[in-house]
C-alpha atoms as a PDB file:
ATOM      1  CA  UNK A   1     113.928  99.549  88.861  1.00  0.00           C
ATOM      2  CA  UNK A   2     111.499 100.466  91.610  1.00  0.00           C
ATOM      3  CA  UNK A   3     112.562 102.449  94.664  1.00  0.00           C
ATOM      4  CA  UNK A   4     112.462 100.584  97.989  1.00  0.00           C
ATOM      5  CA  UNK A   5     111.106 102.131 101.163  1.00  0.00           C
ATOM      6  CA  UNK A   6     111.937 100.523 104.508  1.00  0.00           C
ATOM      7  CA  UNK A   7     110.469 101.366 107.895  1.00  0.00           C
ATOM      8  CA  UNK A   8     113.634 100.683 109.874  1.00  0.00           C
ATOM      9  CA  UNK A   9     115.019 101.004 113.365  1.00  0.00           C
ATOM     10  CA  UNK A  10     113.094  98.115 114.892  1.00  0.00           C
ATOM     11  CA  UNK A  11     115.840  97.352 115.581  1.00  0.00           C
ATOM     12  CA  UNK A  12     118.939  98.924 114.054  1.00  0.00           C
ATOM     13  CA  UNK A  13     120.778  95.595 113.623  1.00  0.00           C
ATOM     14  CA  UNK A  14     118.144  94.067 111.353  1.00  0.00           C
ATOM     15  CA  UNK A  15     117.816  97.323 109.404  1.00  0.00           C
ATOM     16  CA  UNK A  16     121.538  97.121 108.633  1.00  0.00           C
ATOM     17  CA  UNK A  17     121.047  93.539 107.413  1.00  0.00           C
ATOM     18  CA  UNK A  18     118.250  94.569 105.066  1.00  0.00           C
ATOM     19  CA  UNK A  19     120.249  97.425 103.576  1.00  0.00           C
ATOM     20  CA  UNK A  20     123.370  95.330 103.056  1.00  0.00           C
ATOM     21  CA  UNK A  21     121.573  92.297 101.618  1.00  0.00           C
ATOM     22  CA  UNK A  22     119.411  94.326  99.235  1.00  0.00           C
ATOM     23  CA  UNK A  23     122.417  96.132  97.798  1.00  0.00           C
ATOM     24  CA  UNK A  24     124.553  93.001  97.499  1.00  0.00           C
ATOM     25  CA  UNK A  25     121.866  90.794  96.002  1.00  0.00           C
ATOM     26  CA  UNK A  26     120.448  93.264  93.478  1.00  0.00           C
ATOM     27  CA  UNK A  27     123.977  94.116  92.383  1.00  0.00           C
ATOM     28  CA  UNK A  28     124.596  90.392  91.861  1.00  0.00           C
ATOM     29  CA  UNK A  29     121.283  89.776  90.104  1.00  0.00           C
ATOM     30  CA  UNK A  30     121.933  92.616  87.664  1.00  0.00           C
ATOM     31  CA  UNK A  31     125.503  91.470  86.956  1.00  0.00           C
ATOM     32  CA  UNK A  32     126.929  94.437  88.832  1.00  0.00           C
ATOM     33  CA  UNK A  33     125.014  96.949  86.737  1.00  0.00           C
ATOM     34  CA  UNK A  34     122.585  98.261  89.352  1.00  0.00           C
ATOM     35  CA  UNK A  35     122.122  98.782  93.061  1.00  0.00           C
ATOM     36  CA  UNK A  36     118.704  99.762  94.398  1.00  0.00           C
ATOM     37  CA  UNK A  37     117.460 103.180  95.411  1.00  0.00           C
ATOM     38  CA  UNK A  38     116.652 102.647  99.085  1.00  0.00           C
ATOM     39  CA  UNK A  39     114.930 105.064 101.447  1.00  0.00           C
ATOM     40  CA  UNK A  40     114.932 104.203 105.153  1.00  0.00           C
ATOM     41  CA  UNK A  41     112.580 105.963 107.528  1.00  0.00           C
ATOM     42  CA  UNK A  42     113.869 104.925 110.932  1.00  0.00           C
ATOM     43  CA  UNK A  43     111.647 104.891 113.991  1.00  0.00           C
ATOM     44  CA  UNK A  44     112.563 105.508 117.613  1.00  0.00           C
ATOM     45  CA  UNK A  45     112.834 101.885 118.725  1.00  0.00           C
ATOM     46  CA  UNK A  46     112.215 102.689 122.400  1.00  0.00           C
ATOM     47  CA  UNK A  47     109.042 104.581 121.567  1.00  0.00           C
ATOM     48  CA  UNK A  48     107.717 101.876 119.238  1.00  0.00           C
ATOM     49  CA  UNK A  49     108.583  99.121 121.709  1.00  0.00           C
ATOM     50  CA  UNK A  50     106.749 100.926 124.503  1.00  0.00           C
ATOM     51  CA  UNK A  51     103.607 100.927 122.349  1.00  0.00           C
ATOM     52  CA  UNK A  52     104.041  97.177 121.754  1.00  0.00           C
ATOM     53  CA  UNK A  53     104.570  96.350 125.440  1.00  0.00           C
ATOM     54  CA  UNK A  54     101.594  98.483 126.493  1.00  0.00           C
ATOM     55  CA  UNK A  55      99.376  97.012 123.788  1.00  0.00           C
ATOM     56  CA  UNK A  56      98.705 100.500 122.408  1.00  0.00           C
ATOM     57  CA  UNK A  57      97.815  99.439 118.873  1.00  0.00           C
ATOM     58  CA  UNK A  58      96.374 102.824 117.927  1.00  0.00           C
ATOM     59  CA  UNK A  59      99.523 104.762 118.847  1.00  0.00           C
ATOM     60  CA  UNK A  60     101.745 102.172 117.161  1.00  0.00           C
ATOM     61  CA  UNK A  61      99.636 102.215 114.009  1.00  0.00           C
ATOM     62  CA  UNK A  62      99.707 105.990 113.702  1.00  0.00           C
ATOM     63  CA  UNK A  63     103.431 106.186 114.426  1.00  0.00           C
ATOM     64  CA  UNK A  64     104.307 103.612 111.759  1.00  0.00           C
ATOM     65  CA  UNK A  65     101.726 105.021 109.332  1.00  0.00           C
ATOM     66  CA  UNK A  66     103.473 108.397 109.532  1.00  0.00           C
ATOM     67  CA  UNK A  67     106.722 106.735 108.448  1.00  0.00           C
ATOM     68  CA  UNK A  68     105.014 104.915 105.567  1.00  0.00           C
ATOM     69  CA  UNK A  69     103.439 108.151 104.314  1.00  0.00           C
ATOM     70  CA  UNK A  70     106.873 109.808 104.286  1.00  0.00           C
ATOM     71  CA  UNK A  71     108.326 106.929 102.257  1.00  0.00           C
ATOM     72  CA  UNK A  72     105.453 107.043  99.783  1.00  0.00           C
ATOM     73  CA  UNK A  73     105.758 110.815  99.410  1.00  0.00           C
ATOM     74  CA  UNK A  74     109.473 110.328  98.732  1.00  0.00           C
ATOM     75  CA  UNK A  75     108.760 108.095  95.754  1.00  0.00           C
ATOM     76  CA  UNK A  76     109.104 104.628  97.278  1.00  0.00           C
ATOM     77  CA  UNK A  77     107.143 102.053  95.277  1.00  0.00           C
ATOM     78  CA  UNK A  78     107.952  98.864  97.243  1.00  0.00           C
ATOM     79  CA  UNK A  79     107.419  99.558 100.940  1.00  0.00           C
ATOM     80  CA  UNK A  80     107.935  97.247 103.887  1.00  0.00           C
ATOM     81  CA  UNK A  81     108.400  97.000 107.615  1.00  0.00           C
ATOM     82  CA  UNK A  82     111.717  95.493 108.735  1.00  0.00           C
ATOM     83  CA  UNK A  83     110.436  93.879 111.937  1.00  0.00           C
ATOM     84  CA  UNK A  84     108.094  90.937 112.374  1.00  0.00           C
ATOM     85  CA  UNK A  85     106.646  92.290 115.635  1.00  0.00           C
ATOM     86  CA  UNK A  86     105.406  95.462 113.920  1.00  0.00           C
ATOM     87  CA  UNK A  87     103.213  93.243 111.734  1.00  0.00           C
ATOM     88  CA  UNK A  88     100.843  93.079 114.697  1.00  0.00           C
ATOM     89  CA  UNK A  89      99.231  96.192 113.142  1.00  0.00           C
ATOM     90  CA  UNK A  90      99.907  95.270 109.501  1.00  0.00           C
ATOM     91  CA  UNK A  91      96.287  95.283 108.354  1.00  0.00           C
ATOM     92  CA  UNK A  92      95.560  98.561 110.131  1.00  0.00           C
ATOM     93  CA  UNK A  93      98.581 100.139 108.435  1.00  0.00           C
ATOM     94  CA  UNK A  94      97.449  99.118 104.963  1.00  0.00           C
ATOM     95  CA  UNK A  95      93.957 100.482 105.587  1.00  0.00           C
ATOM     96  CA  UNK A  96      95.174 103.750 107.087  1.00  0.00           C
ATOM     97  CA  UNK A  97      97.845 104.527 104.483  1.00  0.00           C
ATOM     98  CA  UNK A  98      96.355 102.969 101.366  1.00  0.00           C
ATOM     99  CA  UNK A  99      99.749 101.347 100.738  1.00  0.00           C
ATOM    100  CA  UNK A 100     100.098  97.653  99.920  1.00  0.00           C
ATOM    101  CA  UNK A 101     102.987  96.543 102.121  1.00  0.00           C
ATOM    102  CA  UNK A 102     105.224  93.544 101.505  1.00  0.00           C
ATOM    103  CA  UNK A 103     104.421  91.163 104.363  1.00  0.00           C
ATOM    104  CA  UNK A 104     107.106  89.155 106.141  1.00  0.00           C
ATOM    105  CA  UNK A 105     104.664  86.488 107.468  1.00  0.00           C
ATOM    106  CA  UNK A 106     103.157  85.915 104.008  1.00  0.00           C
ATOM    107  CA  UNK A 107     106.571  85.577 102.394  1.00  0.00           C
ATOM    108  CA  UNK A 108     107.670  83.103 105.075  1.00  0.00           C
ATOM    109  CA  UNK A 109     104.448  81.120 104.735  1.00  0.00           C
ATOM    110  CA  UNK A 110     104.987  80.780 100.973  1.00  0.00           C
ATOM    111  CA  UNK A 111     108.466  79.331 101.544  1.00  0.00           C
ATOM    112  CA  UNK A 112     107.312  76.860 104.184  1.00  0.00           C
ATOM    113  CA  UNK A 113     104.457  75.604 102.021  1.00  0.00           C
ATOM    114  CA  UNK A 114     106.837  75.317  99.056  1.00  0.00           C
ATOM    115  CA  UNK A 115     109.199  73.237 101.213  1.00  0.00           C
ATOM    116  CA  UNK A 116     106.389  70.836 102.137  1.00  0.00           C
ATOM    117  CA  UNK A 117     106.756  71.481 105.867  1.00  0.00           C
ATOM    118  CA  UNK A 118     103.719  70.427 107.907  1.00  0.00           C
ATOM    119  CA  UNK A 119     104.951  71.170 111.450  1.00  0.00           C
ATOM    120  CA  UNK A 120     107.003  74.254 112.178  1.00  0.00           C
ATOM    121  CA  UNK A 121     108.353  75.959 115.273  1.00  0.00           C
ATOM    122  CA  UNK A 122     108.119  79.720 115.744  1.00  0.00           C
ATOM    123  CA  UNK A 123     110.637  81.814 117.683  1.00  0.00           C
ATOM    124  CA  UNK A 124     110.420  85.573 118.106  1.00  0.00           C
ATOM    125  CA  UNK A 125     109.401  88.266 120.535  1.00  0.00           C
ATOM    126  CA  UNK A 126     106.729  87.425 123.082  1.00  0.00           C
ATOM    127  CA  UNK A 127     104.150  89.241 120.968  1.00  0.00           C
ATOM    128  CA  UNK A 128     105.098  87.296 117.848  1.00  0.00           C
ATOM    129  CA  UNK A 129     105.002  83.938 119.608  1.00  0.00           C
ATOM    130  CA  UNK A 130     101.724  84.570 121.410  1.00  0.00           C
ATOM    131  CA  UNK A 131      99.644  86.474 118.853  1.00  0.00           C
ATOM    132  CA  UNK A 132      98.414  85.136 115.520  1.00  0.00           C
ATOM    133  CA  UNK A 133      99.779  87.506 112.850  1.00  0.00           C
ATOM    134  CA  UNK A 134     102.536  85.064 111.859  1.00  0.00           C
ATOM    135  CA  UNK A 135     100.549  81.894 112.497  1.00  0.00           C
ATOM    136  CA  UNK A 136      97.271  82.597 110.685  1.00  0.00           C
ATOM    137  CA  UNK A 137      98.484  82.206 107.073  1.00  0.00           C
ATOM    138  CA  UNK A 138     100.357  79.040 107.998  1.00  0.00           C
ATOM    139  CA  UNK A 139      97.370  77.515 109.778  1.00  0.00           C
ATOM    140  CA  UNK A 140      95.150  78.385 106.813  1.00  0.00           C
ATOM    141  CA  UNK A 141      97.657  76.546 104.598  1.00  0.00           C
ATOM    142  CA  UNK A 142      97.447  73.423 106.784  1.00  0.00           C
ATOM    143  CA  UNK A 143     100.713  73.920 108.667  1.00  0.00           C
ATOM    144  CA  UNK A 144     100.814  73.284 112.422  1.00  0.00           C
ATOM    145  CA  UNK A 145     102.686  75.986 114.332  1.00  0.00           C
ATOM    146  CA  UNK A 146     104.385  75.300 117.671  1.00  0.00           C
ATOM    147  CA  UNK A 147     105.896  77.768 120.141  1.00  0.00           C
ATOM    148  CA  UNK A 148     107.969  77.094 123.277  1.00  0.00           C
ATOM    149  CA  UNK A 149     106.282  76.864 126.690  1.00  0.00           C
ATOM    150  CA  UNK A 150     105.726  79.991 128.781  1.00  0.00           C
ATOM    151  CA  UNK A 151     109.055  79.929 130.616  1.00  0.00           C
ATOM    152  CA  UNK A 152     110.962  79.234 127.405  1.00  0.00           C
ATOM    153  CA  UNK A 153     109.105  82.002 125.570  1.00  0.00           C
ATOM    154  CA  UNK A 154     110.193  84.427 128.280  1.00  0.00           C
ATOM    155  CA  UNK A 155     113.819  83.323 127.832  1.00  0.00           C
ATOM    156  CA  UNK A 156     113.707  83.719 124.051  1.00  0.00           C
ATOM    157  CA  UNK A 157     112.155  87.187 124.355  1.00  0.00           C
ATOM    158  CA  UNK A 158     114.719  88.232 126.983  1.00  0.00           C
ATOM    159  CA  UNK A 159     117.657  87.164 124.837  1.00  0.00           C
ATOM    160  CA  UNK A 160     116.264  89.010 121.822  1.00  0.00           C
ATOM    161  CA  UNK A 161     115.611  92.236 123.716  1.00  0.00           C
ATOM    162  CA  UNK A 162     118.708  92.329 125.924  1.00  0.00           C
ATOM    163  CA  UNK A 163     121.253  90.863 123.492  1.00  0.00           C
ATOM    164  CA  UNK A 164     120.364  90.543 119.819  1.00  0.00           C
ATOM    165  CA  UNK A 165     118.642  93.922 119.531  1.00  0.00           C
ATOM    166  CA  UNK A 166     121.983  95.394 120.658  1.00  0.00           C
ATOM    167  CA  UNK A 167     124.039  93.252 118.294  1.00  0.00           C
ATOM    168  CA  UNK A 168     125.319  91.054 121.119  1.00  0.00           C
ATOM    169  CA  UNK A 169     125.783  87.424 120.042  1.00  0.00           C
ATOM    170  CA  UNK A 170     126.797  84.898 122.706  1.00  0.00           C
ATOM    171  CA  UNK A 171     127.807  81.258 122.345  1.00  0.00           C
ATOM    172  CA  UNK A 172     125.864  80.470 125.548  1.00  0.00           C
ATOM    173  CA  UNK A 173     122.691  81.904 124.009  1.00  0.00           C
ATOM    174  CA  UNK A 174     123.219  79.897 120.836  1.00  0.00           C
ATOM    175  CA  UNK A 175     123.461  76.739 122.914  1.00  0.00           C
ATOM    176  CA  UNK A 176     120.249  77.623 124.771  1.00  0.00           C
ATOM    177  CA  UNK A 177     118.408  78.095 121.491  1.00  0.00           C
ATOM    178  CA  UNK A 178     119.843  74.914 119.978  1.00  0.00           C
ATOM    179  CA  UNK A 179     118.660  72.918 123.005  1.00  0.00           C
ATOM    180  CA  UNK A 180     115.224  74.525 122.841  1.00  0.00           C
ATOM    181  CA  UNK A 181     114.813  73.787 119.135  1.00  0.00           C
ATOM    182  CA  UNK A 182     116.044  70.232 119.687  1.00  0.00           C
ATOM    183  CA  UNK A 183     113.430  69.801 122.386  1.00  0.00           C
ATOM    184  CA  UNK A 184     110.679  71.061 120.073  1.00  0.00           C
ATOM    185  CA  UNK A 185     111.864  68.637 117.409  1.00  0.00           C
ATOM    186  CA  UNK A 186     111.723  65.702 119.839  1.00  0.00           C
ATOM    187  CA  UNK A 187     108.453  66.617 121.587  1.00  0.00           C
ATOM    188  CA  UNK A 188     106.438  68.388 118.890  1.00  0.00           C
ATOM    189  CA  UNK A 189     107.911  66.830 115.776  1.00  0.00           C
ATOM    190  CA  UNK A 190     108.781  70.160 114.147  1.00  0.00           C
ATOM    191  CA  UNK A 191     110.416  69.821 110.728  1.00  0.00           C
ATOM    192  CA  UNK A 192     111.704  73.380 110.640  1.00  0.00           C
ATOM    193  CA  UNK A 193     111.785  76.591 112.656  1.00  0.00           C
ATOM    194  CA  UNK A 194     110.855  80.161 111.744  1.00  0.00           C
ATOM    195  CA  UNK A 195     113.348  82.804 112.824  1.00  0.00           C
ATOM    196  CA  UNK A 196     110.400  85.075 113.512  1.00  0.00           C
ATOM    197  CA  UNK A 197     112.396  88.059 114.696  1.00  0.00           C
ATOM    198  CA  UNK A 198     114.623  89.821 112.191  1.00  0.00           C
ATOM    199  CA  UNK A 199     117.485  89.833 114.726  1.00  0.00           C
ATOM    200  CA  UNK A 200     117.474  86.036 115.190  1.00  0.00           C
ATOM    201  CA  UNK A 201     119.569  85.413 112.030  1.00  0.00           C
ATOM    202  CA  UNK A 202     122.424  87.107 113.884  1.00  0.00           C
ATOM    203  CA  UNK A 203     122.457  83.982 116.079  1.00  0.00           C
ATOM    204  CA  UNK A 204     120.963  81.102 114.114  1.00  0.00           C
ATOM    205  CA  UNK A 205     121.519  79.901 110.564  1.00  0.00           C
ATOM    206  CA  UNK A 206     121.317  76.764 108.447  1.00  0.00           C
ATOM    207  CA  UNK A 207     124.765  75.699 109.635  1.00  0.00           C
ATOM    208  CA  UNK A 208     124.057  75.669 113.381  1.00  0.00           C
ATOM    209  CA  UNK A 209     120.316  75.024 113.694  1.00  0.00           C
ATOM    210  CA  UNK A 210     119.100  71.501 114.642  1.00  0.00           C
ATOM    211  CA  UNK A 211     116.321  71.682 112.010  1.00  0.00           C
ATOM    212  CA  UNK A 212     115.990  73.633 108.741  1.00  0.00           C
ATOM    213  CA  UNK A 213     115.552  77.279 109.638  1.00  0.00           C
ATOM    214  CA  UNK A 214     113.469  79.809 107.765  1.00  0.00           C
ATOM    215  CA  UNK A 215     115.328  83.110 107.985  1.00  0.00           C
ATOM    216  CA  UNK A 216     112.666  85.837 107.866  1.00  0.00           C
ATOM    217  CA  UNK A 217     115.153  88.465 106.655  1.00  0.00           C
ATOM    218  CA  UNK A 218     116.556  86.302 103.851  1.00  0.00           C
ATOM    219  CA  UNK A 219     113.110  85.250 102.672  1.00  0.00           C
ATOM    220  CA  UNK A 220     111.705  88.774 102.834  1.00  0.00           C
ATOM    221  CA  UNK A 221     114.682  90.273 101.002  1.00  0.00           C
ATOM    222  CA  UNK A 222     114.205  87.775  98.154  1.00  0.00           C
ATOM    223  CA  UNK A 223     110.565  88.851  97.900  1.00  0.00           C
ATOM    224  CA  UNK A 224     111.531  92.533  97.868  1.00  0.00           C
ATOM    225  CA  UNK A 225     114.194  91.920  95.203  1.00  0.00           C
ATOM    226  CA  UNK A 226     111.678  90.239  92.928  1.00  0.00           C
ATOM    227  CA  UNK A 227     109.223  93.125  93.239  1.00  0.00           C
ATOM    228  CA  UNK A 228     111.906  95.782  92.769  1.00  0.00           C
ATOM    229  CA  UNK A 229     113.215  94.172  89.584  1.00  0.00           C
ATOM    230  CA  UNK A 230     109.808  93.588  88.008  1.00  0.00           C
ATOM    231  CA  UNK A 231     109.071  95.743  84.962  1.00  0.00           C
END
């Protein structure tokens, strides 16, 4: 079984989810015979987030590349970021490190195409909603991607940064998101929504979302499990 390497800390809550899910699921898939070897190289979230906010792609790339090199040197064979936003420099990271990373956006795109979805909403950080690193594979596959309007995007980003990144889950925030998704369903005709921040599954799930939701953590973990268990 291959060793997993995770670039964690962006943020801590989603990193915990990855670690827990990978151990539980691989244990289940191997009939309680194996749990994975997992190495986590955790970044300083505040430092990484400052690079994102300032648009300093070079500093962000080098900072994350350093973490990937450490994981590779430690024997990790399946390496991944644990945050969608950090995929803004995904291609640069692969070129700089020579490591083939397991992409969250690609894994999510595969699931949406498999489900036959043609119109999908995207929620996440401001960077994720406004840039194209999540959208481009979907658009190439013929899927229309919709994001909230500017004011709504600001609200979503604020709730992620000030609440979910800290593990704070509020009923009032859930209601705001449910109303927003319902509006996108009515006005844009979305058939599903991407939880495009790995903290969003703390708030939304298939039981409380107005449309089918594509949990980026759940989908990504399934992809990682498959690669780890391959001979």
